[in-house]
Amino acid sequence: MLHDDDAWLPKHLLRSRTHLVENSKCGICISGAETIDSSSSPRSELNPTYTSLPKSSGSKVWFRYLVRRYFSSFSGYVFRKEIVQNFPSFPTQVIDHHLAIHAALEGYEIKAFRDHSILYRIHTNVKDASITQRYSLQRERYKLYLRLLFSRPGPCLLNMPQFPLFALKGLVYLAANRL
C-alpha cells in the first residue's frame, strides 16, 4: 500500500517480496522512512517510530507492540496477499494498523527492516489537524480492541493476557466521549 504523496525507493518492494517468498510464516514486511518536505527535499531525519520497533519477528511480540502503540505506516507496509483477502471487513480509517494486528493474531511473523526504503512526506497542515486526528485515531483503536475481544477472544488472550484491560479502557473512553 502506498499513499499517493509518499514514494518507495527501488529496493522497497524487491526486498519485501523476496523475504515474503522465502519465509512463508512472515505476513508483513515493514520498512523505515526518511522524511521529506512538501517540495520533496530531504529533512535528514528518519521517522522516530522505526527506532522502537521490536527486534523479534514473533507474532505475540508484534501483537503486544501494535496494541500498545499506534504504528501506521501505509507506505512502509508490504502485506502477504492472504492477509488482505482474509481480513474481516469493517469500516476503519486506519486499515494498515488493523491489518497488521490481524496478521499478528493469525500468527504471522512481521519483518522490520531497520533501514529506510520509503520517503514519507511531512504535511504542512499536520499541526492544525493533529489533535483532531489523534482523537480520531484513538477512537478507531478502541473500537478495534472491542471488535477483536468479542470476535476473537481466544487469540487475543493467548497473545496478550491483559488484552481485556485494553478493551475495557476503550469502552470507558468511547462511553465518556460518546463516540
C-alpha atoms as a PDB file:
ATOM      1  CA  MET A   1       0.000   0.000   0.000  1.00  0.00           C
ATOM      2  CA  LEU A   2       1.335   3.417  -0.884  1.00  0.00           C
ATOM      3  CA  HIS A   3      -0.014   6.859  -0.049  1.00  0.00           C
ATOM      4  CA  ASP A   4      -0.111   8.993  -3.146  1.00  0.00           C
ATOM      5  CA  ASP A   5       2.266  11.618  -1.772  1.00  0.00           C
ATOM      6  CA  ASP A   6       4.928   9.213  -0.463  1.00  0.00           C
ATOM      7  CA  ALA A   7       7.483   7.295  -2.514  1.00  0.00           C
ATOM      8  CA  TRP A   8       9.108   3.875  -2.436  1.00  0.00           C
ATOM      9  CA  LEU A   9      12.828   3.611  -3.014  1.00  0.00           C
ATOM     10  CA  PRO A  10      13.842   0.966  -5.596  1.00  0.00           C
ATOM     11  CA  LYS A  11      14.730  -1.715  -3.025  1.00  0.00           C
ATOM     12  CA  HIS A  12      11.462  -1.491  -1.074  1.00  0.00           C
ATOM     13  CA  LEU A  13       9.246  -3.916  -2.986  1.00  0.00           C
ATOM     14  CA  LEU A  14      12.009  -6.240  -4.148  1.00  0.00           C
ATOM     15  CA  ARG A  15      13.445  -6.995  -0.730  1.00  0.00           C
ATOM     16  CA  SER A  16       9.993  -7.250   0.871  1.00  0.00           C
ATOM     17  CA  ARG A  17       8.711  -9.600  -1.833  1.00  0.00           C
ATOM     18  CA  THR A  18      11.883 -11.689  -1.624  1.00  0.00           C
ATOM     19  CA  HIS A  19      11.547 -12.000   2.153  1.00  0.00           C
ATOM     20  CA  LEU A  20       7.850 -12.930   1.941  1.00  0.00           C
ATOM     21  CA  VAL A  21       8.507 -15.575  -0.748  1.00  0.00           C
ATOM     22  CA  GLU A  22      11.412 -17.105   1.196  1.00  0.00           C
ATOM     23  CA  ASN A  23       9.613 -17.020   4.579  1.00  0.00           C
ATOM     24  CA  SER A  24       6.093 -18.434   4.397  1.00  0.00           C
ATOM     25  CA  LYS A  25       5.446 -17.668   8.088  1.00  0.00           C
ATOM     26  CA  CYS A  26       6.051 -13.962   7.507  1.00  0.00           C
ATOM     27  CA  GLY A  27       2.940 -11.934   6.725  1.00  0.00           C
ATOM     28  CA  ILE A  28       4.207  -8.366   6.666  1.00  0.00           C
ATOM     29  CA  CYS A  29       7.417  -6.535   5.914  1.00  0.00           C
ATOM     30  CA  ILE A  30       7.846  -3.047   7.348  1.00  0.00           C
ATOM     31  CA  SER A  31      10.469  -0.538   6.291  1.00  0.00           C
ATOM     32  CA  GLY A  32      11.691   2.675   7.819  1.00  0.00           C
ATOM     33  CA  ALA A  33      11.013   6.077   6.327  1.00  0.00           C
ATOM     34  CA  GLU A  34      13.080   9.125   5.584  1.00  0.00           C
ATOM     35  CA  THR A  35      11.056  12.315   5.859  1.00  0.00           C
ATOM     36  CA  ILE A  36      10.803  14.824   3.044  1.00  0.00           C
ATOM     37  CA  ASP A  37       9.075  18.196   2.972  1.00  0.00           C
ATOM     38  CA  SER A  38       6.297  19.339   0.637  1.00  0.00           C
ATOM     39  CA  SER A  39       8.829  20.164  -2.093  1.00  0.00           C
ATOM     40  CA  SER A  40      10.408  16.660  -1.821  1.00  0.00           C
ATOM     41  CA  SER A  41      13.570  17.952  -0.165  1.00  0.00           C
ATOM     42  CA  PRO A  42      15.044  15.561   2.410  1.00  0.00           C
ATOM     43  CA  ARG A  43      14.740  16.663   6.007  1.00  0.00           C
ATOM     44  CA  SER A  44      17.700  14.481   7.009  1.00  0.00           C
ATOM     45  CA  GLU A  45      15.775  12.638   9.663  1.00  0.00           C
ATOM     46  CA  LEU A  46      14.261   9.228   9.997  1.00  0.00           C
ATOM     47  CA  ASN A  47      10.797   8.679  11.315  1.00  0.00           C
ATOM     48  CA  PRO A  48      11.479   8.113  15.060  1.00  0.00           C
ATOM     49  CA  THR A  49       8.776   5.431  15.255  1.00  0.00           C
ATOM     50  CA  TYR A  50      11.070   2.986  13.498  1.00  0.00           C
ATOM     51  CA  THR A  51      13.722   3.073  16.207  1.00  0.00           C
ATOM     52  CA  SER A  52      11.345   1.472  18.703  1.00  0.00           C
ATOM     53  CA  LEU A  53      10.187  -1.460  16.548  1.00  0.00           C
ATOM     54  CA  PRO A  54      10.562  -4.927  18.092  1.00  0.00           C
ATOM     55  CA  LYS A  55      13.700  -6.811  17.116  1.00  0.00           C
ATOM     56  CA  SER A  56      11.805 -10.116  17.221  1.00  0.00           C
ATOM     57  CA  SER A  57       9.608 -11.157  14.306  1.00  0.00           C
ATOM     58  CA  GLY A  58       7.284 -13.186  16.554  1.00  0.00           C
ATOM     59  CA  SER A  59       3.549 -12.590  16.277  1.00  0.00           C
ATOM     60  CA  LYS A  60       2.979 -12.313  20.052  1.00  0.00           C
ATOM     61  CA  VAL A  61       5.661  -9.647  20.416  1.00  0.00           C
ATOM     62  CA  TRP A  62       4.239  -7.685  17.500  1.00  0.00           C
ATOM     63  CA  PHE A  63       0.648  -8.044  18.669  1.00  0.00           C
ATOM     64  CA  ARG A  64       1.588  -6.542  22.037  1.00  0.00           C
ATOM     65  CA  TYR A  65       3.599  -3.781  20.337  1.00  0.00           C
ATOM     66  CA  LEU A  66       0.801  -2.874  17.906  1.00  0.00           C
ATOM     67  CA  VAL A  67      -1.879  -2.831  20.600  1.00  0.00           C
ATOM     68  CA  ARG A  68       0.184  -0.592  22.883  1.00  0.00           C
ATOM     69  CA  ARG A  69       1.257   1.869  20.206  1.00  0.00           C
ATOM     70  CA  TYR A  70      -0.268   3.301  17.105  1.00  0.00           C
ATOM     71  CA  PHE A  71       2.039   2.310  14.274  1.00  0.00           C
ATOM     72  CA  SER A  72       0.550   3.320  10.973  1.00  0.00           C
ATOM     73  CA  SER A  73       2.855   3.159   8.042  1.00  0.00           C
ATOM     74  CA  PHE A  74       0.717   2.646   4.986  1.00  0.00           C
ATOM     75  CA  SER A  75       3.646   3.282   2.706  1.00  0.00           C
ATOM     76  CA  GLY A  76       6.037   1.145   4.738  1.00  0.00           C
ATOM     77  CA  TYR A  77       3.883  -1.992   4.912  1.00  0.00           C
ATOM     78  CA  VAL A  78       4.035  -4.789   2.368  1.00  0.00           C
ATOM     79  CA  PHE A  79       1.380  -7.418   3.156  1.00  0.00           C
ATOM     80  CA  ARG A  80       1.092 -11.042   2.136  1.00  0.00           C
ATOM     81  CA  LYS A  81      -1.934 -11.324  -0.154  1.00  0.00           C
ATOM     82  CA  GLU A  82      -3.741 -13.787   2.145  1.00  0.00           C
ATOM     83  CA  ILE A  83      -3.784 -11.281   4.999  1.00  0.00           C
ATOM     84  CA  VAL A  84      -5.657  -8.729   2.941  1.00  0.00           C
ATOM     85  CA  GLN A  85      -8.002 -11.345   1.454  1.00  0.00           C
ATOM     86  CA  ASN A  86      -8.893 -12.834   4.872  1.00  0.00           C
ATOM     87  CA  PHE A  87      -9.280  -9.543   6.723  1.00  0.00           C
ATOM     88  CA  PRO A  88     -12.691  -9.257   8.392  1.00  0.00           C
ATOM     89  CA  SER A  89     -14.188  -6.234   6.707  1.00  0.00           C
ATOM     90  CA  PHE A  90     -15.372  -3.291   8.792  1.00  0.00           C
ATOM     91  CA  PRO A  91     -15.123   0.449   8.226  1.00  0.00           C
ATOM     92  CA  THR A  92     -11.952   1.990   9.590  1.00  0.00           C
ATOM     93  CA  GLN A  93      -9.671   4.929   8.912  1.00  0.00           C
ATOM     94  CA  VAL A  94      -6.550   3.009   9.859  1.00  0.00           C
ATOM     95  CA  ILE A  95      -6.745  -0.121   7.750  1.00  0.00           C
ATOM     96  CA  ASP A  96      -2.967  -0.616   7.733  1.00  0.00           C
ATOM     97  CA  HIS A  97      -2.723  -0.765  11.531  1.00  0.00           C
ATOM     98  CA  HIS A  98      -5.744  -3.055  11.750  1.00  0.00           C
ATOM     99  CA  LEU A  99      -4.351  -5.365   9.061  1.00  0.00           C
ATOM    100  CA  ALA A 100      -1.082  -5.610  10.982  1.00  0.00           C
ATOM    101  CA  ILE A 101      -2.890  -6.512  14.217  1.00  0.00           C
ATOM    102  CA  HIS A 102      -4.991  -9.056  12.311  1.00  0.00           C
ATOM    103  CA  ALA A 103      -1.833 -10.627  10.839  1.00  0.00           C
ATOM    104  CA  ALA A 104      -0.233 -10.903  14.279  1.00  0.00           C
ATOM    105  CA  LEU A 105      -3.391 -12.519  15.667  1.00  0.00           C
ATOM    106  CA  GLU A 106      -3.323 -15.005  12.809  1.00  0.00           C
ATOM    107  CA  GLY A 107       0.192 -15.985  13.905  1.00  0.00           C
ATOM    108  CA  TYR A 108       2.128 -14.395  11.047  1.00  0.00           C
ATOM    109  CA  GLU A 109       5.614 -13.107  11.744  1.00  0.00           C
ATOM    110  CA  ILE A 110       6.443  -9.482  10.943  1.00  0.00           C
ATOM    111  CA  LYS A 111       9.782  -8.461   9.479  1.00  0.00           C
ATOM    112  CA  ALA A 112      11.032  -4.943  10.235  1.00  0.00           C
ATOM    113  CA  PHE A 113      13.830  -3.694   8.013  1.00  0.00           C
ATOM    114  CA  ARG A 114      15.856  -1.194  10.024  1.00  0.00           C
ATOM    115  CA  ASP A 115      16.995   0.988   7.151  1.00  0.00           C
ATOM    116  CA  HIS A 116      14.576   3.218   5.290  1.00  0.00           C
ATOM    117  CA  SER A 117      13.189   2.347   1.901  1.00  0.00           C
ATOM    118  CA  ILE A 118      10.351   4.851   1.679  1.00  0.00           C
ATOM    119  CA  LEU A 119      10.134   8.617   1.584  1.00  0.00           C
ATOM    120  CA  TYR A 120       7.426   9.982   3.858  1.00  0.00           C
ATOM    121  CA  ARG A 121       6.150  13.449   3.022  1.00  0.00           C
ATOM    122  CA  ILE A 122       5.595  15.752   6.016  1.00  0.00           C
ATOM    123  CA  HIS A 123       2.400  17.735   5.592  1.00  0.00           C
ATOM    124  CA  THR A 124       2.387  21.427   6.369  1.00  0.00           C
ATOM    125  CA  ASN A 125      -1.139  21.357   7.830  1.00  0.00           C
ATOM    126  CA  VAL A 126      -0.475  18.451  10.203  1.00  0.00           C
ATOM    127  CA  LYS A 127      -0.135  20.700  13.276  1.00  0.00           C
ATOM    128  CA  ASP A 128      -3.634  22.100  12.720  1.00  0.00           C
ATOM    129  CA  ALA A 129      -5.231  18.678  12.368  1.00  0.00           C
ATOM    130  CA  SER A 130      -3.077  16.783  14.836  1.00  0.00           C
ATOM    131  CA  ILE A 131      -5.350  16.983  17.905  1.00  0.00           C
ATOM    132  CA  THR A 132      -8.477  16.094  15.929  1.00  0.00           C
ATOM    133  CA  GLN A 133      -6.606  13.350  14.117  1.00  0.00           C
ATOM    134  CA  ARG A 134      -5.218  11.945  17.381  1.00  0.00           C
ATOM    135  CA  TYR A 135      -8.712  11.689  18.886  1.00  0.00           C
ATOM    136  CA  SER A 136      -9.991  10.067  15.719  1.00  0.00           C
ATOM    137  CA  LEU A 137      -7.150   7.521  15.699  1.00  0.00           C
ATOM    138  CA  GLN A 138      -7.628   6.782  19.395  1.00  0.00           C
ATOM    139  CA  ARG A 139     -11.350   6.211  18.804  1.00  0.00           C
ATOM    140  CA  GLU A 140     -10.561   3.843  15.914  1.00  0.00           C
ATOM    141  CA  ARG A 141      -8.068   1.882  18.032  1.00  0.00           C
ATOM    142  CA  TYR A 142     -10.518   1.395  20.878  1.00  0.00           C
ATOM    143  CA  LYS A 143     -13.276   0.307  18.514  1.00  0.00           C
ATOM    144  CA  LEU A 144     -10.879  -2.256  17.069  1.00  0.00           C
ATOM    145  CA  TYR A 145      -9.979  -3.609  20.529  1.00  0.00           C
ATOM    146  CA  LEU A 146     -13.648  -4.155  21.330  1.00  0.00           C
ATOM    147  CA  ARG A 147     -14.280  -5.854  17.971  1.00  0.00           C
ATOM    148  CA  LEU A 148     -11.277  -8.107  18.496  1.00  0.00           C
ATOM    149  CA  LEU A 149     -12.191  -9.047  22.048  1.00  0.00           C
ATOM    150  CA  PHE A 150     -15.717 -10.052  21.095  1.00  0.00           C
ATOM    151  CA  SER A 151     -14.868 -11.707  17.782  1.00  0.00           C
ATOM    152  CA  ARG A 152     -11.518 -13.353  18.649  1.00  0.00           C
ATOM    153  CA  PRO A 153     -11.271 -13.692  22.453  1.00  0.00           C
ATOM    154  CA  GLY A 154      -9.082 -16.820  22.388  1.00  0.00           C
ATOM    155  CA  PRO A 155      -6.238 -15.464  20.219  1.00  0.00           C
ATOM    156  CA  CYS A 156      -6.384 -12.076  21.963  1.00  0.00           C
ATOM    157  CA  LEU A 157      -5.993 -13.633  25.405  1.00  0.00           C
ATOM    158  CA  LEU A 158      -3.335 -16.124  24.304  1.00  0.00           C
ATOM    159  CA  ASN A 159      -1.203 -13.392  22.748  1.00  0.00           C
ATOM    160  CA  MET A 160      -1.759 -10.851  25.489  1.00  0.00           C
ATOM    161  CA  PRO A 161      -3.493 -11.871  28.743  1.00  0.00           C
ATOM    162  CA  GLN A 162      -4.047  -8.235  29.724  1.00  0.00           C
ATOM    163  CA  PHE A 163      -5.913  -7.502  26.459  1.00  0.00           C
ATOM    164  CA  PRO A 164      -9.346  -7.264  28.168  1.00  0.00           C
ATOM    165  CA  LEU A 165      -7.984  -4.295  30.142  1.00  0.00           C
ATOM    166  CA  PHE A 166      -7.168  -2.514  26.874  1.00  0.00           C
ATOM    167  CA  ALA A 167     -10.666  -3.268  25.592  1.00  0.00           C
ATOM    168  CA  LEU A 168     -12.252  -2.092  28.871  1.00  0.00           C
ATOM    169  CA  LYS A 169     -10.228   1.119  28.719  1.00  0.00           C
ATOM    170  CA  GLY A 170     -11.528   1.567  25.188  1.00  0.00           C
ATOM    171  CA  LEU A 171     -15.125   1.012  26.261  1.00  0.00           C
ATOM    172  CA  VAL A 172     -14.797   3.613  29.043  1.00  0.00           C
ATOM    173  CA  TYR A 173     -13.148   6.085  26.640  1.00  0.00           C
ATOM    174  CA  LEU A 174     -15.814   5.599  23.984  1.00  0.00           C
ATOM    175  CA  ALA A 175     -18.650   5.904  26.532  1.00  0.00           C
ATOM    176  CA  ALA A 176     -17.141   9.013  28.143  1.00  0.00           C
ATOM    177  CA  ASN A 177     -16.682  10.672  24.769  1.00  0.00           C
ATOM    178  CA  ARG A 178     -19.972   9.365  23.340  1.00  0.00           C
ATOM    179  CA  LEU A 179     -18.176   8.037  20.308  1.00  0.00           C
END
